[in-house]
Amino acid sequence: MIEMRSDTFTLPTEQMMSAMSRAALGDDVYGEDPTVNGLEELAAKSPSGTMANLAALMVHVPRGGKVLVGNESDIYLYEAGGASVCGGIMYEPIRTQPDGTLALDDLAAALPPDPEDSQFALPGLICVENTHNRMGGRPLSQEYLAELRRFATRHGLPVHMDGARVFNAAVATGVPAAEIAAHADSLQFCLSKGLSAPIGSILAGEADFIEKARRVRKMLGGGMRQAGVFAAAGTVALTSTVDRLADDHRLAARFAAGLAEIDGIDVDPDAVTTNIILFRVTAPGLDDDRFLRAVQERGLAMGEFGHGRIRAVTHRGLDAEDVSAAVAIVADVVREAR
C-alpha cells in the first residue's frame, strides 16, 4: 500500500529503535527519568498534540472564558471539544483565510465591545496553526505572525501556536523554528508526524507556564512513568530528522505536478509548499467516495478532507517511485471512469 493518508503513518527510524532500547529510565512523574529530563532541556513533553494543545488552553484561559480559534483549525475541528468539556472554555471560531491566517479585523470583531459588561465571555487566548493543515500545509509568514503578536499585545491576549508541523514551516520558509516560535507565548509541535517518532508532542513556553501545564497534564491522565523510552525517540527526531523534511516537500511538489497533468483532477501545484496536497476530483461520474475506494483497491490510500477535497500527505515512508506510482493509479482510475 502506498500510504498517503497522513504523515502519522511514519515508523521509527532504526536509530530511534536503538535509542529506545538503550534509554536510561526512571519515573517521570517523580521527575526522575533521565532521558525525559534530557529531552526537556529543549522543551516540556506531552503524550500527544491534542493533550498539549488542551493543556495550553486550560492554562491560558480561565473557566468561562473564550479562545479565539480558526474555524478550519485542528483545535476547533479535530480535538473533540476538549477545551469546553474539560476546561469550561468557549470556542469563538474565526473565519480562516485561504493562506491559513486569521484576519486581524475578524479577531477584533470577536472582542467584546465592553469588557466590563458581565454578559460577555471574555477572550483569553488567540490560537493559530502553523503549518495550516486544512489550508494545504501553508506556513504562516513571519510578517503576519509579527502583526498578530502586536495585535495580541495591544489587547492583552496571549498567543498559542498549534505548530504540529512547525518544522515543516521552518524548512519551507528557511526561518528557524525558534524564530517562528518567538511570536507565540506557547507552542505545541508533534514528534510523531514527519519527524517519525512513535509517540509524543512538545509543549513549550515560559517556565511558570510549563509548571502549570504539568499539573494540567497530570489531571488529564498524561503523567507517564518510564517515559524515557519515547523521549529517546523524540530526541533522535529533533536531532536527526528535521532537515530531511525537505525531501517530503519535494515529493509533494512532484505529486502535485503529476496530478496537474490529469484531466479530471483539479489541483494547484503552486499552492503546495510543504508535505500536504489538496485536490478535487472533477471527472464526471466519479465522486470522492468512489474515487477513494478505487485508488485503494489499486494500492493507494488517501483521505477525504471536506469541502469536496482529497488530501494526500508525503512522509519518510515514501520515495519518488511511490509518488510516480500514485500518479499513475490516479490517472488510471480517472480514465476508467470516463
C-alpha atoms as a PDB file:
ATOM      1  CA  MET A   1       0.000   0.000   0.000  1.00  0.00           C
ATOM      2  CA  ILE A   2       1.251   3.476  -0.904  1.00  0.00           C
ATOM      3  CA  GLU A   3       0.199   5.260   2.283  1.00  0.00           C
ATOM      4  CA  MET A   4      -0.646   8.927   1.749  1.00  0.00           C
ATOM      5  CA  ARG A   5      -3.417   9.467   4.275  1.00  0.00           C
ATOM      6  CA  SER A   6      -1.137  11.164   6.801  1.00  0.00           C
ATOM      7  CA  ASP A   7       2.445  11.583   7.951  1.00  0.00           C
ATOM      8  CA  THR A   8       1.350   9.990  11.230  1.00  0.00           C
ATOM      9  CA  PHE A   9       1.930   6.661   9.462  1.00  0.00           C
ATOM     10  CA  THR A  10       5.698   7.181   9.650  1.00  0.00           C
ATOM     11  CA  LEU A  11       7.573   4.425  11.502  1.00  0.00           C
ATOM     12  CA  PRO A  12      10.512   4.995  13.879  1.00  0.00           C
ATOM     13  CA  THR A  13      13.937   5.035  12.298  1.00  0.00           C
ATOM     14  CA  GLU A  14      16.481   2.335  13.145  1.00  0.00           C
ATOM     15  CA  GLN A  15      18.361   4.938  15.163  1.00  0.00           C
ATOM     16  CA  MET A  16      15.206   5.649  17.167  1.00  0.00           C
ATOM     17  CA  MET A  17      14.599   1.951  17.840  1.00  0.00           C
ATOM     18  CA  SER A  18      18.180   1.569  19.017  1.00  0.00           C
ATOM     19  CA  ALA A  19      17.942   4.637  21.251  1.00  0.00           C
ATOM     20  CA  MET A  20      14.670   3.401  22.755  1.00  0.00           C
ATOM     21  CA  SER A  21      16.180   0.018  23.616  1.00  0.00           C
ATOM     22  CA  ARG A  22      19.163   1.660  25.323  1.00  0.00           C
ATOM     23  CA  ALA A  23      17.379   4.558  27.049  1.00  0.00           C
ATOM     24  CA  ALA A  24      18.202   5.206  30.695  1.00  0.00           C
ATOM     25  CA  LEU A  25      14.880   5.110  32.540  1.00  0.00           C
ATOM     26  CA  GLY A  26      13.289   6.404  35.724  1.00  0.00           C
ATOM     27  CA  ASP A  27       9.874   7.544  36.964  1.00  0.00           C
ATOM     28  CA  ASP A  28       8.895  10.671  35.050  1.00  0.00           C
ATOM     29  CA  VAL A  29       6.023  11.512  37.416  1.00  0.00           C
ATOM     30  CA  TYR A  30       8.703  11.986  40.078  1.00  0.00           C
ATOM     31  CA  GLY A  31      10.873  13.864  37.583  1.00  0.00           C
ATOM     32  CA  GLU A  32      13.468  11.089  37.704  1.00  0.00           C
ATOM     33  CA  ASP A  33      13.555   9.777  34.131  1.00  0.00           C
ATOM     34  CA  PRO A  34      16.956  10.968  32.877  1.00  0.00           C
ATOM     35  CA  THR A  35      16.083  10.576  29.196  1.00  0.00           C
ATOM     36  CA  VAL A  36      12.899  12.608  29.569  1.00  0.00           C
ATOM     37  CA  ASN A  37      14.846  15.221  31.519  1.00  0.00           C
ATOM     38  CA  GLY A  38      17.343  15.385  28.688  1.00  0.00           C
ATOM     39  CA  LEU A  39      14.592  15.970  26.144  1.00  0.00           C
ATOM     40  CA  GLU A  40      13.058  18.589  28.416  1.00  0.00           C
ATOM     41  CA  GLU A  41      16.235  20.616  28.241  1.00  0.00           C
ATOM     42  CA  LEU A  42      14.710  21.577  24.881  1.00  0.00           C
ATOM     43  CA  ALA A  43      11.051  21.746  25.976  1.00  0.00           C
ATOM     44  CA  ALA A  44       8.365  20.068  28.102  1.00  0.00           C
ATOM     45  CA  LYS A  45       6.780  16.831  26.964  1.00  0.00           C
ATOM     46  CA  SER A  46       3.163  15.695  26.464  1.00  0.00           C
ATOM     47  CA  PRO A  47       1.900  12.315  25.217  1.00  0.00           C
ATOM     48  CA  SER A  48       0.010  13.794  22.256  1.00  0.00           C
ATOM     49  CA  GLY A  49      -0.566  17.000  20.358  1.00  0.00           C
ATOM     50  CA  THR A  50      -4.209  17.046  21.391  1.00  0.00           C
ATOM     51  CA  MET A  51      -3.285  16.892  25.077  1.00  0.00           C
ATOM     52  CA  ALA A  52      -0.552  19.516  24.639  1.00  0.00           C
ATOM     53  CA  ASN A  53      -2.987  21.919  22.969  1.00  0.00           C
ATOM     54  CA  LEU A  54      -5.642  21.244  25.596  1.00  0.00           C
ATOM     55  CA  ALA A  55      -3.209  21.790  28.444  1.00  0.00           C
ATOM     56  CA  ALA A  56      -2.113  25.079  26.895  1.00  0.00           C
ATOM     57  CA  LEU A  57      -5.690  26.320  26.521  1.00  0.00           C
ATOM     58  CA  MET A  58      -6.538  25.345  30.105  1.00  0.00           C
ATOM     59  CA  VAL A  59      -3.520  27.194  31.463  1.00  0.00           C
ATOM     60  CA  HIS A  60      -4.111  30.338  29.420  1.00  0.00           C
ATOM     61  CA  VAL A  61      -7.913  30.659  29.700  1.00  0.00           C
ATOM     62  CA  PRO A  62      -9.965  30.536  32.914  1.00  0.00           C
ATOM     63  CA  ARG A  63     -13.262  28.661  33.060  1.00  0.00           C
ATOM     64  CA  GLY A  64     -15.974  30.761  31.450  1.00  0.00           C
ATOM     65  CA  GLY A  65     -13.506  32.489  29.151  1.00  0.00           C
ATOM     66  CA  LYS A  66     -13.197  32.017  25.417  1.00  0.00           C
ATOM     67  CA  VAL A  67     -10.468  31.197  22.946  1.00  0.00           C
ATOM     68  CA  LEU A  68     -10.325  32.814  19.507  1.00  0.00           C
ATOM     69  CA  VAL A  69      -9.555  29.998  17.084  1.00  0.00           C
ATOM     70  CA  GLY A  70      -9.809  29.427  13.342  1.00  0.00           C
ATOM     71  CA  ASN A  71     -12.971  27.774  12.080  1.00  0.00           C
ATOM     72  CA  GLU A  72     -10.787  25.461   9.954  1.00  0.00           C
ATOM     73  CA  SER A  73      -8.248  24.720  12.681  1.00  0.00           C
ATOM     74  CA  ASP A  74      -7.403  21.322  14.095  1.00  0.00           C
ATOM     75  CA  ILE A  75      -8.023  22.567  17.637  1.00  0.00           C
ATOM     76  CA  TYR A  76     -11.584  23.532  16.725  1.00  0.00           C
ATOM     77  CA  LEU A  77     -12.475  20.637  14.436  1.00  0.00           C
ATOM     78  CA  TYR A  78     -10.449  17.589  15.434  1.00  0.00           C
ATOM     79  CA  GLU A  79      -9.801  17.695  19.176  1.00  0.00           C
ATOM     80  CA  ALA A  80     -13.217  16.557  20.454  1.00  0.00           C
ATOM     81  CA  GLY A  81     -14.210  19.872  22.025  1.00  0.00           C
ATOM     82  CA  GLY A  82     -11.806  19.205  24.878  1.00  0.00           C
ATOM     83  CA  ALA A  83     -11.442  22.834  25.939  1.00  0.00           C
ATOM     84  CA  SER A  84     -15.196  23.083  26.509  1.00  0.00           C
ATOM     85  CA  VAL A  85     -15.594  19.645  28.088  1.00  0.00           C
ATOM     86  CA  CYS A  86     -12.542  19.696  30.337  1.00  0.00           C
ATOM     87  CA  GLY A  87     -11.802  23.380  30.744  1.00  0.00           C
ATOM     88  CA  GLY A  88     -15.183  25.113  30.594  1.00  0.00           C
ATOM     89  CA  ILE A  89     -13.783  27.250  27.770  1.00  0.00           C
ATOM     90  CA  MET A  90     -15.891  28.647  24.938  1.00  0.00           C
ATOM     91  CA  TYR A  91     -14.599  28.445  21.357  1.00  0.00           C
ATOM     92  CA  GLU A  92     -15.046  31.566  19.229  1.00  0.00           C
ATOM     93  CA  PRO A  93     -14.500  30.372  15.636  1.00  0.00           C
ATOM     94  CA  ILE A  94     -12.869  32.968  13.388  1.00  0.00           C
ATOM     95  CA  ARG A  95     -13.061  32.693   9.592  1.00  0.00           C
ATOM     96  CA  THR A  96      -9.847  31.169   8.277  1.00  0.00           C
ATOM     97  CA  GLN A  97      -8.279  32.884   5.273  1.00  0.00           C
ATOM     98  CA  PRO A  98      -7.024  30.788   2.319  1.00  0.00           C
ATOM     99  CA  ASP A  99      -3.424  31.236   3.482  1.00  0.00           C
ATOM    100  CA  GLY A 100      -4.244  29.933   6.982  1.00  0.00           C
ATOM    101  CA  THR A 101      -4.229  33.328   8.689  1.00  0.00           C
ATOM    102  CA  LEU A 102      -6.919  34.902  10.847  1.00  0.00           C
ATOM    103  CA  ALA A 103      -7.641  38.442   9.693  1.00  0.00           C
ATOM    104  CA  LEU A 104      -6.961  40.991  12.412  1.00  0.00           C
ATOM    105  CA  ASP A 105     -10.250  42.737  11.654  1.00  0.00           C
ATOM    106  CA  ASP A 106     -12.105  39.460  12.247  1.00  0.00           C
ATOM    107  CA  LEU A 107     -10.254  38.942  15.513  1.00  0.00           C
ATOM    108  CA  ALA A 108     -11.097  42.488  16.577  1.00  0.00           C
ATOM    109  CA  ALA A 109     -14.778  41.881  15.805  1.00  0.00           C
ATOM    110  CA  ALA A 110     -14.741  38.932  18.227  1.00  0.00           C
ATOM    111  CA  LEU A 111     -13.650  41.104  21.144  1.00  0.00           C
ATOM    112  CA  PRO A 112     -16.448  42.296  23.455  1.00  0.00           C
ATOM    113  CA  PRO A 113     -17.474  45.910  22.923  1.00  0.00           C
ATOM    114  CA  ASP A 114     -17.404  46.426  26.688  1.00  0.00           C
ATOM    115  CA  PRO A 115     -15.121  44.071  28.645  1.00  0.00           C
ATOM    116  CA  GLU A 116     -16.736  45.290  31.876  1.00  0.00           C
ATOM    117  CA  ASP A 117     -20.165  44.017  30.777  1.00  0.00           C
ATOM    118  CA  SER A 118     -20.694  40.737  32.640  1.00  0.00           C
ATOM    119  CA  GLN A 119     -22.879  39.378  29.838  1.00  0.00           C
ATOM    120  CA  PHE A 120     -19.842  38.658  27.659  1.00  0.00           C
ATOM    121  CA  ALA A 121     -17.446  35.733  27.875  1.00  0.00           C
ATOM    122  CA  LEU A 122     -14.032  37.353  27.898  1.00  0.00           C
ATOM    123  CA  PRO A 123     -11.384  36.256  25.390  1.00  0.00           C
ATOM    124  CA  GLY A 124      -8.298  34.780  27.000  1.00  0.00           C
ATOM    125  CA  LEU A 125      -6.240  33.486  24.078  1.00  0.00           C
ATOM    126  CA  ILE A 126      -5.673  33.594  20.319  1.00  0.00           C
ATOM    127  CA  CYS A 127      -4.727  30.322  18.611  1.00  0.00           C
ATOM    128  CA  VAL A 128      -3.050  29.986  15.228  1.00  0.00           C
ATOM    129  CA  GLU A 129      -1.952  26.895  13.316  1.00  0.00           C
ATOM    130  CA  ASN A 130       1.414  26.637  11.547  1.00  0.00           C
ATOM    131  CA  THR A 131       1.598  24.918   9.111  1.00  0.00           C
ATOM    132  CA  HIS A 132      -2.138  25.000   8.475  1.00  0.00           C
ATOM    133  CA  ASN A 133      -3.473  21.536   7.794  1.00  0.00           C
ATOM    134  CA  ARG A 134      -6.840  22.256   6.171  1.00  0.00           C
ATOM    135  CA  MET A 135      -5.407  25.100   4.121  1.00  0.00           C
ATOM    136  CA  GLY A 136      -2.989  22.711   2.431  1.00  0.00           C
ATOM    137  CA  GLY A 137       0.003  22.788   4.758  1.00  0.00           C
ATOM    138  CA  ARG A 138       0.537  26.529   4.362  1.00  0.00           C
ATOM    139  CA  PRO A 139       3.243  28.073   6.576  1.00  0.00           C
ATOM    140  CA  LEU A 140       2.385  31.411   8.155  1.00  0.00           C
ATOM    141  CA  SER A 141       4.681  34.278   7.233  1.00  0.00           C
ATOM    142  CA  GLN A 142       6.874  35.986   9.807  1.00  0.00           C
ATOM    143  CA  GLU A 143       5.299  39.294   8.794  1.00  0.00           C
ATOM    144  CA  TYR A 144       1.834  38.030   9.672  1.00  0.00           C
ATOM    145  CA  LEU A 145       2.979  36.492  12.941  1.00  0.00           C
ATOM    146  CA  ALA A 146       4.616  39.787  13.931  1.00  0.00           C
ATOM    147  CA  GLU A 147       1.386  41.672  13.155  1.00  0.00           C
ATOM    148  CA  LEU A 148      -0.618  39.139  15.148  1.00  0.00           C
ATOM    149  CA  ARG A 149       1.784  39.465  18.083  1.00  0.00           C
ATOM    150  CA  ARG A 150       1.393  43.246  18.102  1.00  0.00           C
ATOM    151  CA  PHE A 151      -2.408  42.910  17.921  1.00  0.00           C
ATOM    152  CA  ALA A 152      -2.458  40.409  20.776  1.00  0.00           C
ATOM    153  CA  THR A 153      -0.202  42.539  22.947  1.00  0.00           C
ATOM    154  CA  ARG A 154      -2.338  45.599  22.308  1.00  0.00           C
ATOM    155  CA  HIS A 155      -5.394  43.715  23.550  1.00  0.00           C
ATOM    156  CA  GLY A 156      -3.677  41.935  26.425  1.00  0.00           C
ATOM    157  CA  LEU A 157      -4.038  38.440  24.931  1.00  0.00           C
ATOM    158  CA  PRO A 158      -1.501  35.621  24.769  1.00  0.00           C
ATOM    159  CA  VAL A 159      -0.946  33.645  21.565  1.00  0.00           C
ATOM    160  CA  HIS A 160      -0.768  29.851  21.362  1.00  0.00           C
ATOM    161  CA  MET A 161       0.633  28.262  18.215  1.00  0.00           C
ATOM    162  CA  ASP A 162      -0.535  24.798  17.224  1.00  0.00           C
ATOM    163  CA  GLY A 163       2.679  24.012  15.407  1.00  0.00           C
ATOM    164  CA  ALA A 164       2.099  20.303  14.898  1.00  0.00           C
ATOM    165  CA  ARG A 165       4.192  20.642  11.722  1.00  0.00           C
ATOM    166  CA  VAL A 166       6.159  23.770  12.657  1.00  0.00           C
ATOM    167  CA  PHE A 167       9.415  22.188  11.460  1.00  0.00           C
ATOM    168  CA  ASN A 168       7.827  21.797   8.032  1.00  0.00           C
ATOM    169  CA  ALA A 169       7.176  25.532   8.189  1.00  0.00           C
ATOM    170  CA  ALA A 170      10.780  26.172   9.191  1.00  0.00           C
ATOM    171  CA  VAL A 171      12.207  24.032   6.395  1.00  0.00           C
ATOM    172  CA  ALA A 172       9.852  25.518   3.781  1.00  0.00           C
ATOM    173  CA  THR A 173      10.489  29.153   4.703  1.00  0.00           C
ATOM    174  CA  GLY A 174      14.115  28.916   5.785  1.00  0.00           C
ATOM    175  CA  VAL A 175      13.200  30.564   9.101  1.00  0.00           C
ATOM    176  CA  PRO A 176      14.460  28.667  12.186  1.00  0.00           C
ATOM    177  CA  ALA A 177      11.714  27.157  14.313  1.00  0.00           C
ATOM    178  CA  ALA A 178      12.889  29.189  17.293  1.00  0.00           C
ATOM    179  CA  GLU A 179      12.255  32.421  15.376  1.00  0.00           C
ATOM    180  CA  ILE A 180       8.784  31.226  14.385  1.00  0.00           C
ATOM    181  CA  ALA A 181       8.022  30.276  17.986  1.00  0.00           C
ATOM    182  CA  ALA A 182       9.188  33.663  19.259  1.00  0.00           C
ATOM    183  CA  HIS A 183       5.890  35.200  18.128  1.00  0.00           C
ATOM    184  CA  ALA A 184       3.864  32.947  20.458  1.00  0.00           C
ATOM    185  CA  ASP A 185       3.537  32.608  24.229  1.00  0.00           C
ATOM    186  CA  SER A 186       3.238  28.835  23.911  1.00  0.00           C
ATOM    187  CA  LEU A 187       3.853  26.302  21.167  1.00  0.00           C
ATOM    188  CA  GLN A 188       2.882  22.694  20.556  1.00  0.00           C
ATOM    189  CA  PHE A 189       4.523  20.503  17.962  1.00  0.00           C
ATOM    190  CA  CYS A 190       4.365  16.802  17.177  1.00  0.00           C
ATOM    191  CA  LEU A 191       7.284  14.428  17.271  1.00  0.00           C
ATOM    192  CA  SER A 192       5.168  11.721  15.665  1.00  0.00           C
ATOM    193  CA  LYS A 193       4.363  13.167  12.238  1.00  0.00           C
ATOM    194  CA  GLY A 194       7.092  13.916   9.712  1.00  0.00           C
ATOM    195  CA  LEU A 195       9.737  13.682  12.456  1.00  0.00           C
ATOM    196  CA  SER A 196       8.881   9.957  12.653  1.00  0.00           C
ATOM    197  CA  ALA A 197       8.911   9.329  16.412  1.00  0.00           C
ATOM    198  CA  PRO A 198       6.317   6.751  17.521  1.00  0.00           C
ATOM    199  CA  ILE A 199       4.621   8.978  20.090  1.00  0.00           C
ATOM    200  CA  GLY A 200       4.782  12.342  21.777  1.00  0.00           C
ATOM    201  CA  SER A 201       4.475  16.081  21.375  1.00  0.00           C
ATOM    202  CA  ILE A 202       6.316  19.063  22.793  1.00  0.00           C
ATOM    203  CA  LEU A 203       4.629  21.872  24.688  1.00  0.00           C
ATOM    204  CA  ALA A 204       6.970  24.817  25.106  1.00  0.00           C
ATOM    205  CA  GLY A 205       6.595  28.107  26.927  1.00  0.00           C
ATOM    206  CA  GLU A 206       7.941  30.126  29.839  1.00  0.00           C
ATOM    207  CA  ALA A 207       8.898  28.194  32.980  1.00  0.00           C
ATOM    208  CA  ASP A 208       5.846  29.216  35.042  1.00  0.00           C
ATOM    209  CA  PHE A 209       3.531  28.293  32.159  1.00  0.00           C
ATOM    210  CA  ILE A 210       5.152  24.855  31.869  1.00  0.00           C
ATOM    211  CA  GLU A 211       4.796  24.195  35.604  1.00  0.00           C
ATOM    212  CA  LYS A 212       1.072  24.902  35.347  1.00  0.00           C
ATOM    213  CA  ALA A 213       0.859  22.743  32.214  1.00  0.00           C
ATOM    214  CA  ARG A 214       2.457  19.823  34.076  1.00  0.00           C
ATOM    215  CA  ARG A 215      -0.345  19.951  36.628  1.00  0.00           C
ATOM    216  CA  VAL A 216      -2.971  20.005  33.878  1.00  0.00           C
ATOM    217  CA  ARG A 217      -1.216  17.124  32.111  1.00  0.00           C
ATOM    218  CA  LYS A 218      -1.387  15.053  35.293  1.00  0.00           C
ATOM    219  CA  MET A 219      -5.067  15.918  35.767  1.00  0.00           C
ATOM    220  CA  LEU A 220      -5.792  14.799  32.185  1.00  0.00           C
ATOM    221  CA  GLY A 221      -4.113  11.452  32.760  1.00  0.00           C
ATOM    222  CA  GLY A 222      -0.934  12.292  30.876  1.00  0.00           C
ATOM    223  CA  GLY A 223       1.537  11.531  33.660  1.00  0.00           C
ATOM    224  CA  MET A 224       3.755   8.698  32.419  1.00  0.00           C
ATOM    225  CA  ARG A 225       6.327   6.624  34.291  1.00  0.00           C
ATOM    226  CA  GLN A 226       9.309   5.247  32.339  1.00  0.00           C
ATOM    227  CA  ALA A 227       8.579   7.654  29.503  1.00  0.00           C
ATOM    228  CA  GLY A 228      12.235   7.808  28.520  1.00  0.00           C
ATOM    229  CA  VAL A 229      11.552   5.025  26.021  1.00  0.00           C
ATOM    230  CA  PHE A 230       9.590   7.555  23.991  1.00  0.00           C
ATOM    231  CA  ALA A 231      11.748  10.534  24.904  1.00  0.00           C
ATOM    232  CA  ALA A 232      14.754   8.715  23.439  1.00  0.00           C
ATOM    233  CA  ALA A 233      12.992   8.501  20.074  1.00  0.00           C
ATOM    234  CA  GLY A 234      11.930  12.132  20.405  1.00  0.00           C
ATOM    235  CA  THR A 235      15.500  13.230  20.976  1.00  0.00           C
ATOM    236  CA  VAL A 236      16.594  11.406  17.825  1.00  0.00           C
ATOM    237  CA  ALA A 237      13.702  13.023  15.949  1.00  0.00           C
ATOM    238  CA  LEU A 238      14.810  16.517  16.906  1.00  0.00           C
ATOM    239  CA  THR A 239      18.483  15.913  16.233  1.00  0.00           C
ATOM    240  CA  SER A 240      18.413  13.859  13.033  1.00  0.00           C
ATOM    241  CA  THR A 241      15.123  14.045  11.102  1.00  0.00           C
ATOM    242  CA  VAL A 242      14.311  17.754  10.745  1.00  0.00           C
ATOM    243  CA  ASP A 243      16.377  18.550   7.667  1.00  0.00           C
ATOM    244  CA  ARG A 244      15.037  15.555   5.757  1.00  0.00           C
ATOM    245  CA  LEU A 245      11.536  17.116   5.805  1.00  0.00           C
ATOM    246  CA  ALA A 246      12.674  18.904   2.641  1.00  0.00           C
ATOM    247  CA  ASP A 247      12.523  15.512   0.903  1.00  0.00           C
ATOM    248  CA  ASP A 248       8.835  15.258   1.821  1.00  0.00           C
ATOM    249  CA  HIS A 249       8.218  18.709   0.375  1.00  0.00           C
ATOM    250  CA  ARG A 250       9.912  17.767  -2.903  1.00  0.00           C
ATOM    251  CA  LEU A 251       7.808  14.606  -3.141  1.00  0.00           C
ATOM    252  CA  ALA A 252       4.642  16.622  -2.513  1.00  0.00           C
ATOM    253  CA  ALA A 253       5.549  19.058  -5.283  1.00  0.00           C
ATOM    254  CA  ARG A 254       6.241  16.140  -7.607  1.00  0.00           C
ATOM    255  CA  PHE A 255       2.904  14.518  -6.797  1.00  0.00           C
ATOM    256  CA  ALA A 256       1.012  17.789  -7.326  1.00  0.00           C
ATOM    257  CA  ALA A 257       2.744  18.349 -10.660  1.00  0.00           C
ATOM    258  CA  GLY A 258       1.769  14.859 -11.765  1.00  0.00           C
ATOM    259  CA  LEU A 259      -1.850  15.328 -10.713  1.00  0.00           C
ATOM    260  CA  ALA A 260      -1.993  18.611 -12.632  1.00  0.00           C
ATOM    261  CA  GLU A 261      -1.410  16.660 -15.857  1.00  0.00           C
ATOM    262  CA  ILE A 262      -4.520  14.513 -15.328  1.00  0.00           C
ATOM    263  CA  ASP A 263      -7.739  15.675 -16.973  1.00  0.00           C
ATOM    264  CA  GLY A 264     -10.384  15.250 -14.279  1.00  0.00           C
ATOM    265  CA  ILE A 265      -8.218  16.327 -11.348  1.00  0.00           C
ATOM    266  CA  ASP A 266      -8.179  19.920 -10.101  1.00  0.00           C
ATOM    267  CA  VAL A 267      -5.019  20.866  -8.200  1.00  0.00           C
ATOM    268  CA  ASP A 268      -2.893  23.990  -7.845  1.00  0.00           C
ATOM    269  CA  PRO A 269       0.775  22.908  -7.734  1.00  0.00           C
ATOM    270  CA  ASP A 270       1.856  26.413  -6.759  1.00  0.00           C
ATOM    271  CA  ALA A 271      -0.159  26.118  -3.540  1.00  0.00           C
ATOM    272  CA  VAL A 272       1.835  23.075  -2.398  1.00  0.00           C
ATOM    273  CA  THR A 273       4.617  24.418  -0.187  1.00  0.00           C
ATOM    274  CA  THR A 274       5.158  21.647   2.364  1.00  0.00           C
ATOM    275  CA  ASN A 275       4.050  17.998   2.530  1.00  0.00           C
ATOM    276  CA  ILE A 276       0.259  18.324   2.143  1.00  0.00           C
ATOM    277  CA  ILE A 277      -1.528  18.207  -1.201  1.00  0.00           C
ATOM    278  CA  LEU A 278      -5.228  19.089  -1.520  1.00  0.00           C
ATOM    279  CA  PHE A 279      -7.064  18.391  -4.765  1.00  0.00           C
ATOM    280  CA  ARG A 280     -10.533  17.834  -6.202  1.00  0.00           C
ATOM    281  CA  VAL A 281     -11.854  15.077  -8.430  1.00  0.00           C
ATOM    282  CA  THR A 282     -13.793  16.726 -11.267  1.00  0.00           C
ATOM    283  CA  ALA A 283     -14.147  13.765 -13.641  1.00  0.00           C
ATOM    284  CA  PRO A 284     -17.832  13.181 -14.475  1.00  0.00           C
ATOM    285  CA  GLY A 285     -19.429  10.288 -12.614  1.00  0.00           C
ATOM    286  CA  LEU A 286     -16.604   9.940 -10.096  1.00  0.00           C
ATOM    287  CA  ASP A 287     -17.446  11.229  -6.620  1.00  0.00           C
ATOM    288  CA  ASP A 288     -14.961  11.322  -3.762  1.00  0.00           C
ATOM    289  CA  ASP A 289     -16.059   8.078  -2.117  1.00  0.00           C
ATOM    290  CA  ARG A 290     -15.913   6.126  -5.335  1.00  0.00           C
ATOM    291  CA  PHE A 291     -12.545   7.636  -6.192  1.00  0.00           C
ATOM    292  CA  LEU A 292     -11.021   6.801  -2.812  1.00  0.00           C
ATOM    293  CA  ARG A 293     -12.315   3.220  -2.947  1.00  0.00           C
ATOM    294  CA  ALA A 294     -10.981   2.782  -6.468  1.00  0.00           C
ATOM    295  CA  VAL A 295      -7.474   4.028  -5.704  1.00  0.00           C
ATOM    296  CA  GLN A 296      -7.315   1.983  -2.515  1.00  0.00           C
ATOM    297  CA  GLU A 297      -8.197  -1.161  -4.447  1.00  0.00           C
ATOM    298  CA  ARG A 298      -5.129  -0.409  -6.578  1.00  0.00           C
ATOM    299  CA  GLY A 299      -2.872   0.103  -3.565  1.00  0.00           C
ATOM    300  CA  LEU A 300      -3.057   3.842  -2.833  1.00  0.00           C
ATOM    301  CA  ALA A 301      -4.522   5.256   0.398  1.00  0.00           C
ATOM    302  CA  MET A 302      -5.600   8.893   0.649  1.00  0.00           C
ATOM    303  CA  GLY A 303      -8.315  10.653   2.637  1.00  0.00           C
ATOM    304  CA  GLU A 304     -11.444  12.752   2.133  1.00  0.00           C
ATOM    305  CA  PHE A 305     -10.882  16.213   3.577  1.00  0.00           C
ATOM    306  CA  GLY A 306     -14.138  18.135   3.448  1.00  0.00           C
ATOM    307  CA  HIS A 307     -15.347  20.827   1.060  1.00  0.00           C
ATOM    308  CA  GLY A 308     -15.087  18.315  -1.804  1.00  0.00           C
ATOM    309  CA  ARG A 309     -11.342  17.885  -1.368  1.00  0.00           C
ATOM    310  CA  ILE A 310      -8.979  14.928  -1.167  1.00  0.00           C
ATOM    311  CA  ARG A 311      -5.840  15.125   0.976  1.00  0.00           C
ATOM    312  CA  ALA A 312      -2.537  13.379   0.310  1.00  0.00           C
ATOM    313  CA  VAL A 313       0.461  13.692   2.619  1.00  0.00           C
ATOM    314  CA  THR A 314       4.065  12.813   1.864  1.00  0.00           C
ATOM    315  CA  HIS A 315       6.450  11.476   4.512  1.00  0.00           C
ATOM    316  CA  ARG A 316       9.574   9.431   5.179  1.00  0.00           C
ATOM    317  CA  GLY A 317       7.844   6.185   4.213  1.00  0.00           C
ATOM    318  CA  LEU A 318       7.548   7.262   0.562  1.00  0.00           C
ATOM    319  CA  ASP A 319      10.036   7.696  -2.254  1.00  0.00           C
ATOM    320  CA  ALA A 320       9.957   9.044  -5.810  1.00  0.00           C
ATOM    321  CA  GLU A 321       8.873   5.674  -7.219  1.00  0.00           C
ATOM    322  CA  ASP A 322       5.900   5.582  -4.851  1.00  0.00           C
ATOM    323  CA  VAL A 323       4.843   9.060  -5.939  1.00  0.00           C
ATOM    324  CA  SER A 324       5.106   8.166  -9.622  1.00  0.00           C
ATOM    325  CA  ALA A 325       3.070   5.025  -8.997  1.00  0.00           C
ATOM    326  CA  ALA A 326       0.467   7.058  -7.091  1.00  0.00           C
ATOM    327  CA  VAL A 327       0.092   9.470 -10.013  1.00  0.00           C
ATOM    328  CA  ALA A 328      -0.344   6.525 -12.383  1.00  0.00           C
ATOM    329  CA  ILE A 329      -3.016   4.978 -10.158  1.00  0.00           C
ATOM    330  CA  VAL A 330      -4.986   8.230 -10.036  1.00  0.00           C
ATOM    331  CA  ALA A 331      -4.713   8.598 -13.818  1.00  0.00           C
ATOM    332  CA  ASP A 332      -5.955   5.020 -14.349  1.00  0.00           C
ATOM    333  CA  VAL A 333      -8.937   5.484 -12.055  1.00  0.00           C
ATOM    334  CA  VAL A 334      -9.955   8.742 -13.712  1.00  0.00           C
ATOM    335  CA  ARG A 335      -9.523   7.319 -17.204  1.00  0.00           C
ATOM    336  CA  GLU A 336     -11.544   4.190 -16.428  1.00  0.00           C
ATOM    337  CA  ALA A 337     -14.393   6.294 -15.021  1.00  0.00           C
ATOM    338  CA  ARG A 338     -14.903   8.110 -18.295  1.00  0.00           C
END
